[in-house]
Amino acid sequence: MTKIILFDGECHFCNKSVQFIIKRDPQAVFKFASLESEIGRQLIKKYRVPKNVNSLILLDNNRYYSKSTAALKISKNLQGFWKYLYVFILIPKQVRDIVYQFVSKNRYKLFNKETACPIPTPEMKKRFLQ
């Protein structure tokens, strides 16, 4: 099954994160959709993601993962050093999510909102669900 990452399309940090993942995912394990897109909303409904989840979301094996768990499960599939970050899954979720929530709540202050999206290459376009 394809792993799908739902991300905040208005967040500069989130968009940069998607580009970061694509560069380190040469097997194209991940597909992407914006949380704000029609397909994003359909997937949220299909996977029964609670409306109060304001986070990066990973859809995998008919389950959804959010916050630090999603980020670590994504890192596990990346090329290079990044896959070793998965060891942090051993830290209790509540502790990991404190750090995740701090970055999430301050992402617009820290990284600004996107005013324009980068033009994706044809290869990158294949990775986005529409």
Protein backbone atom coordinates (compact mmCIF):
# COMPACT_ATOMS: atom_id res chain seq x y z
CA MET A 1 0.00 0.00 0.00
CA THR A 2 1.07 3.52 -0.72
CA LYS A 3 1.87 5.70 2.24
CA ILE A 4 0.17 9.09 2.02
CA ILE A 5 1.31 12.24 3.78
CA LEU A 6 -1.27 14.96 4.38
CA PHE A 7 0.29 18.36 5.05
CA ASP A 8 -0.71 21.99 5.59
CA GLY A 9 -0.45 23.53 2.13
CA GLU A 10 -0.22 27.08 3.52
CA CYS A 11 2.71 26.39 5.82
CA HIS A 12 6.19 27.18 4.49
CA PHE A 13 7.76 24.69 6.90
CA CYS A 14 5.34 21.96 5.79
CA ASN A 15 6.02 22.61 2.10
CA LYS A 16 9.76 22.56 2.72
CA SER A 17 9.29 19.31 4.65
CA VAL A 18 7.52 17.74 1.65
CA GLN A 19 10.41 18.77 -0.61
CA PHE A 20 12.85 17.38 1.97
CA ILE A 21 11.01 14.03 2.04
CA ILE A 22 10.82 13.77 -1.75
CA LYS A 23 14.60 14.25 -2.06
CA ARG A 24 15.22 11.43 0.45
CA ASP A 25 12.57 9.05 -0.87
CA PRO A 26 13.99 7.80 -4.19
CA GLN A 27 11.70 4.72 -4.16
CA ALA A 28 8.67 7.07 -4.09
CA VAL A 29 7.23 5.33 -1.02
CA PHE A 30 5.22 8.44 -0.18
CA LYS A 31 2.44 10.26 -2.02
CA PHE A 32 1.28 13.70 -0.86
CA ALA A 33 -1.91 15.72 -0.54
CA SER A 34 -2.67 19.03 1.05
CA LEU A 35 -5.00 18.94 4.05
CA GLU A 36 -6.97 21.75 2.39
CA SER A 37 -7.47 19.91 -0.93
CA GLU A 38 -10.58 17.98 -1.86
CA ILE A 39 -8.67 14.67 -1.85
CA GLY A 40 -7.16 15.61 1.52
CA ARG A 41 -10.61 16.19 3.00
CA GLN A 42 -11.87 12.91 1.50
CA LEU A 43 -8.95 10.97 2.98
CA ILE A 44 -9.45 12.56 6.39
CA LYS A 45 -13.06 11.43 6.30
CA LYS A 46 -12.21 7.94 4.98
CA TYR A 47 -9.58 7.33 7.68
CA ARG A 48 -11.80 8.93 10.34
CA VAL A 49 -9.18 11.41 11.41
CA PRO A 50 -10.71 13.57 14.17
CA LYS A 51 -11.38 17.16 13.11
CA ASN A 52 -9.30 18.48 16.01
CA VAL A 53 -6.10 16.88 14.67
CA ASN A 54 -3.97 19.81 13.53
CA SER A 55 -0.88 18.00 12.42
CA LEU A 56 1.09 16.31 9.74
CA ILE A 57 -0.81 13.09 9.04
CA LEU A 58 0.58 9.82 7.71
CA LEU A 59 -1.89 7.32 6.24
CA ASP A 60 -0.46 3.80 6.20
CA ASN A 61 -1.96 0.30 6.37
CA ASN A 62 -5.51 1.62 6.87
CA ARG A 63 -4.42 3.67 9.90
CA TYR A 64 -3.57 7.27 10.45
CA TYR A 65 -0.66 8.60 12.48
CA SER A 66 -0.19 12.19 13.56
CA LYS A 67 2.29 14.52 15.20
CA SER A 68 5.62 13.04 16.28
CA THR A 69 4.57 9.47 15.51
CA ALA A 70 3.84 10.41 11.89
CA ALA A 71 7.14 12.30 11.59
CA LEU A 72 9.15 9.39 13.00
CA LYS A 73 7.38 6.78 10.87
CA ILE A 74 8.14 8.94 7.83
CA SER A 75 11.80 9.29 8.82
CA LYS A 76 12.05 5.49 9.10
CA ASN A 77 11.46 5.25 5.35
CA LEU A 78 13.92 7.95 4.27
CA GLN A 79 17.32 7.41 2.76
CA GLY A 80 20.47 8.05 4.77
CA PHE A 81 20.87 9.13 8.39
CA TRP A 82 17.22 10.18 8.71
CA LYS A 83 15.92 6.64 9.10
CA TYR A 84 17.85 6.34 12.36
CA LEU A 85 15.72 9.07 13.96
CA TYR A 86 13.07 6.38 14.33
CA VAL A 87 14.85 5.33 17.54
CA PHE A 88 13.09 8.31 19.18
CA ILE A 89 9.85 6.33 18.95
CA LEU A 90 11.04 4.80 22.25
CA ILE A 91 10.43 8.13 23.98
CA PRO A 92 6.88 8.31 25.33
CA LYS A 93 4.48 9.88 22.83
CA GLN A 94 3.37 12.56 25.28
CA VAL A 95 6.96 13.81 25.61
CA ARG A 96 7.65 13.67 21.85
CA ASP A 97 4.42 15.48 21.10
CA ILE A 98 5.30 18.40 23.39
CA VAL A 99 8.20 19.25 21.07
CA TYR A 100 6.09 18.58 17.98
CA GLN A 101 3.27 20.82 19.26
CA PHE A 102 5.65 23.67 20.04
CA VAL A 103 6.94 23.69 16.46
CA SER A 104 3.43 23.19 15.07
CA LYS A 105 1.88 26.06 17.05
CA ASN A 106 4.69 28.42 16.09
CA ARG A 107 5.29 27.28 12.50
CA TYR A 108 3.77 30.39 10.89
CA LYS A 109 5.86 32.66 13.14
CA LEU A 110 8.99 30.59 12.65
CA PHE A 111 8.64 29.78 8.95
CA ASN A 112 5.99 32.15 7.47
CA LYS A 113 3.04 31.23 5.28
CA GLU A 114 3.60 30.27 1.67
CA THR A 115 2.57 32.99 -0.73
CA ALA A 116 3.60 30.96 -3.77
CA CYS A 117 4.27 27.29 -4.28
CA PRO A 118 7.42 26.12 -6.02
CA ILE A 119 6.80 24.78 -9.53
CA PRO A 120 7.10 21.01 -9.28
CA THR A 121 8.94 18.98 -11.86
CA PRO A 122 6.92 16.37 -13.79
CA GLU A 123 8.48 13.69 -11.59
CA MET A 124 7.38 15.54 -8.44
CA LYS A 125 3.84 16.06 -9.83
CA LYS A 126 3.37 12.28 -9.94
CA ARG A 127 3.79 12.17 -6.18
CA PHE A 128 0.83 14.47 -5.42
CA LEU A 129 -2.71 13.15 -5.25
CA GLN A 130 -5.38 15.16 -7.03
